[in-house]
C-alpha atoms as a PDB file:
ATOM      1  CA  MET A   1       5.592 -33.348 -42.433  1.00  0.00           C
ATOM      2  CA  ALA A   2       2.249 -31.923 -40.041  1.00  0.00           C
ATOM      3  CA  ARG A   3       4.293 -32.620 -37.266  1.00  0.00           C
ATOM      4  CA  THR A   4       7.418 -30.527 -38.312  1.00  0.00           C
ATOM      5  CA  ASP A   5       4.725 -27.679 -39.146  1.00  0.00           C
ATOM      6  CA  GLU A   6       3.497 -27.782 -36.058  1.00  0.00           C
ATOM      7  CA  PHE A   7       6.752 -27.631 -34.294  1.00  0.00           C
ATOM      8  CA  GLN A   8       7.768 -24.721 -36.201  1.00  0.00           C
ATOM      9  CA  LYS A   9       4.556 -22.820 -35.701  1.00  0.00           C
ATOM     10  CA  LEU A  10       5.338 -23.283 -31.837  1.00  0.00           C
ATOM     11  CA  VAL A  11       8.618 -22.116 -31.861  1.00  0.00           C
ATOM     12  CA  ARG A  12       7.594 -18.938 -33.964  1.00  0.00           C
ATOM     13  CA  ASP A  13       4.457 -18.316 -31.586  1.00  0.00           C
ATOM     14  CA  LEU A  14       6.978 -18.559 -28.528  1.00  0.00           C
ATOM     15  CA  ALA A  15       9.445 -16.039 -29.996  1.00  0.00           C
ATOM     16  CA  ILE A  16       6.332 -13.974 -30.729  1.00  0.00           C
ATOM     17  CA  GLN A  17       5.629 -14.481 -27.018  1.00  0.00           C
ATOM     18  CA  VAL A  18       8.969 -13.728 -25.506  1.00  0.00           C
ATOM     19  CA  ALA A  19       9.379 -10.463 -28.249  1.00  0.00           C
ATOM     20  CA  GLY A  20       6.259  -9.057 -27.048  1.00  0.00           C
ATOM     21  CA  MET A  21       5.769  -9.739 -23.660  1.00  0.00           C
ATOM     22  CA  THR A  22       9.323  -9.629 -22.296  1.00  0.00           C
ATOM     23  CA  PRO A  23       9.897 -12.502 -19.616  1.00  0.00           C
ATOM     24  CA  VAL A  24      12.343 -12.979 -17.923  1.00  0.00           C
ATOM     25  CA  TYR A  25      12.619 -16.314 -16.665  1.00  0.00           C
ATOM     26  CA  VAL A  26      11.230 -19.731 -18.009  1.00  0.00           C
ATOM     27  CA  ASP A  27       9.163 -20.322 -15.043  1.00  0.00           C
ATOM     28  CA  ALA A  28       8.912 -19.707 -11.472  1.00  0.00           C
ATOM     29  CA  ASP A  29      11.131 -22.595 -10.579  1.00  0.00           C
ATOM     30  CA  ALA A  30      14.359 -20.587 -12.299  1.00  0.00           C
ATOM     31  CA  ILE A  31      13.675 -17.395 -10.649  1.00  0.00           C
ATOM     32  CA  PRO A  32      16.901 -17.436  -7.812  1.00  0.00           C
ATOM     33  CA  ASN A  33      15.737 -17.511  -4.242  1.00  0.00           C
ATOM     34  CA  ALA A  34      17.039 -14.431  -3.590  1.00  0.00           C
ATOM     35  CA  VAL A  35      15.051 -12.790  -6.219  1.00  0.00           C
ATOM     36  CA  ILE A  36      11.803 -14.276  -4.840  1.00  0.00           C
ATOM     37  CA  ALA A  37      12.871 -13.328  -0.783  1.00  0.00           C
ATOM     38  CA  ALA A  38      13.542  -9.548  -2.075  1.00  0.00           C
ATOM     39  CA  LYS A  39      10.113  -9.657  -3.882  1.00  0.00           C
ATOM     40  CA  ARG A  40       8.333 -10.930  -1.281  1.00  0.00           C
ATOM     41  CA  ALA A  41       9.922  -8.167   1.369  1.00  0.00           C
ATOM     42  CA  GLU A  42       8.880  -5.359  -1.452  1.00  0.00           C
ATOM     43  CA  LEU A  43       5.196  -6.417  -1.679  1.00  0.00           C
ATOM     44  CA  LEU A  44       5.159  -7.232   2.352  1.00  0.00           C
ATOM     45  CA  ALA A  45       6.728  -3.386   2.702  1.00  0.00           C
ATOM     46  CA  ASP A  46       4.354  -1.945   0.647  1.00  0.00           C
ATOM     47  CA  PRO A  47       1.732   0.557   2.621  1.00  0.00           C
ATOM     48  CA  ALA A  48      -1.322  -1.167   1.121  1.00  0.00           C
ATOM     49  CA  THR A  49      -0.146  -3.896   2.372  1.00  0.00           C
ATOM     50  CA  GLN A  50       0.665  -2.909   5.583  1.00  0.00           C
ATOM     51  CA  LYS A  51      -2.878  -1.365   6.344  1.00  0.00           C
ATOM     52  CA  LYS A  52      -4.542  -4.832   6.323  1.00  0.00           C
ATOM     53  CA  PRO A  53      -4.757  -7.386   8.992  1.00  0.00           C
ATOM     54  CA  GLU A  54      -1.177  -8.673  10.127  1.00  0.00           C
ATOM     55  CA  THR A  55      -3.141 -12.321  10.003  1.00  0.00           C
ATOM     56  CA  ILE A  56      -3.805 -12.131   6.030  1.00  0.00           C
ATOM     57  CA  ARG A  57      -0.969 -10.081   4.751  1.00  0.00           C
ATOM     58  CA  PRO A  58       1.112 -13.668   3.923  1.00  0.00           C
ATOM     59  CA  GLN A  59      -2.142 -14.628   1.967  1.00  0.00           C
ATOM     60  CA  ILE A  60      -2.047 -11.244   0.414  1.00  0.00           C
ATOM     61  CA  VAL A  61       1.616 -11.304  -0.718  1.00  0.00           C
ATOM     62  CA  ASP A  62       1.336 -15.020  -1.861  1.00  0.00           C
ATOM     63  CA  GLY A  63      -1.123 -13.656  -4.213  1.00  0.00           C
ATOM     64  CA  GLN A  64       1.034 -10.837  -5.672  1.00  0.00           C
ATOM     65  CA  LEU A  65       3.555 -12.846  -6.167  1.00  0.00           C
ATOM     66  CA  ASN A  66       1.738 -15.610  -8.506  1.00  0.00           C
ATOM     67  CA  LYS A  67       0.513 -12.431 -10.292  1.00  0.00           C
ATOM     68  CA  TRP A  68       4.256 -11.332 -10.565  1.00  0.00           C
ATOM     69  CA  PHE A  69       5.113 -14.906 -11.675  1.00  0.00           C
ATOM     70  CA  SER A  70       2.631 -14.444 -14.563  1.00  0.00           C
ATOM     71  CA  GLN A  71       4.348 -11.257 -15.703  1.00  0.00           C
ATOM     72  CA  VAL A  72       7.839 -12.362 -15.801  1.00  0.00           C
ATOM     73  CA  CYS A  73       7.659 -16.282 -16.085  1.00  0.00           C
ATOM     74  CA  LEU A  74       7.117 -17.432 -19.804  1.00  0.00           C
ATOM     75  CA  LEU A  75       5.245 -20.511 -19.151  1.00  0.00           C
ATOM     76  CA  ASP A  76       2.804 -18.663 -16.389  1.00  0.00           C
ATOM     77  CA  GLN A  77       2.010 -15.597 -18.993  1.00  0.00           C
ATOM     78  CA  PRO A  78      -1.458 -15.824 -20.665  1.00  0.00           C
ATOM     79  CA  PHE A  79      -0.677 -16.560 -24.639  1.00  0.00           C
ATOM     80  CA  ARG A  80      -1.647 -13.491 -26.476  1.00  0.00           C
ATOM     81  CA  ASP A  81      -4.989 -12.352 -25.771  1.00  0.00           C
ATOM     82  CA  GLU A  82      -6.013 -15.749 -24.438  1.00  0.00           C
ATOM     83  CA  GLU A  83      -6.843 -17.703 -21.305  1.00  0.00           C
ATOM     84  CA  ARG A  84      -4.801 -20.231 -21.543  1.00  0.00           C
ATOM     85  CA  THR A  85      -1.088 -19.727 -20.468  1.00  0.00           C
ATOM     86  CA  VAL A  86       1.801 -20.608 -22.264  1.00  0.00           C
ATOM     87  CA  ARG A  87       2.419 -23.627 -20.330  1.00  0.00           C
ATOM     88  CA  ASP A  88      -1.061 -24.743 -21.685  1.00  0.00           C
ATOM     89  CA  LEU A  89      -0.311 -24.333 -25.216  1.00  0.00           C
ATOM     90  CA  ILE A  90       2.643 -26.558 -24.909  1.00  0.00           C
ATOM     91  CA  ILE A  91       0.948 -29.191 -23.474  1.00  0.00           C
ATOM     92  CA  GLU A  92      -1.514 -28.845 -25.838  1.00  0.00           C
ATOM     93  CA  LYS A  93       0.894 -29.170 -28.749  1.00  0.00           C
ATOM     94  CA  ILE A  94       2.763 -32.265 -27.019  1.00  0.00           C
ATOM     95  CA  ALA A  95      -0.613 -34.008 -27.384  1.00  0.00           C
ATOM     96  CA  THR A  96      -1.009 -32.879 -30.667  1.00  0.00           C
ATOM     97  CA  ILE A  97       2.432 -33.368 -31.982  1.00  0.00           C
ATOM     98  CA  GLY A  98       2.805 -36.310 -29.840  1.00  0.00           C
ATOM     99  CA  GLU A  99       6.636 -35.173 -29.127  1.00  0.00           C
ATOM    100  CA  ASN A 100       7.720 -34.014 -25.737  1.00  0.00           C
ATOM    101  CA  ILE A 101       8.542 -30.568 -26.071  1.00  0.00           C
ATOM    102  CA  ARG A 102      10.224 -28.648 -22.800  1.00  0.00           C
ATOM    103  CA  VAL A 103      11.223 -24.978 -23.032  1.00  0.00           C
ATOM    104  CA  ARG A 104      14.738 -24.745 -21.145  1.00  0.00           C
ATOM    105  CA  ARG A 105      15.934 -21.247 -22.036  1.00  0.00           C
ATOM    106  CA  PHE A 106      15.425 -18.523 -24.233  1.00  0.00           C
ATOM    107  CA  VAL A 107      17.422 -15.133 -25.095  1.00  0.00           C
ATOM    108  CA  ARG A 108      15.638 -12.019 -25.929  1.00  0.00           C
ATOM    109  CA  TYR A 109      17.533  -9.234 -28.095  1.00  0.00           C
ATOM    110  CA  ALA A 110      16.334  -5.834 -27.870  1.00  0.00           C
ATOM    111  CA  LEU A 111      18.149  -2.852 -30.269  1.00  0.00           C
ATOM    112  CA  GLY A 112      17.728   0.701 -29.493  1.00  0.00           C
ATOM    113  CA  GLU A 113      16.846   0.259 -25.538  1.00  0.00           C
ATOM    114  CA  GLU A 114      18.887   1.939 -22.911  1.00  0.00           C
ATOM    115  CA  LEU A 115      21.115  -0.548 -20.753  1.00  0.00           C
END
């Protein structure tokens, strides 16, 4: 029974995370290559990036992409106001519950927002 309670709490925590942080993708692997390429081009064309030396621009863009991943990918987001990520929380719960837990997809409904 305790395992069921732990699992239900995890599901509730993930639902609150999705509702509050509005992720778009489960993880970086779920992002289409075209979206990543477009974001990379956008970051590379940014005037602040263009002011930097050409040799370090790719590293700057990679860092900015990783920061973007932590905003749009559920598993890479910080869990609530903690230092750990949602991925770390799930790994912790796998160890506690003893079951393999995997987030494959999620759906977020929003009422009252313009499309």
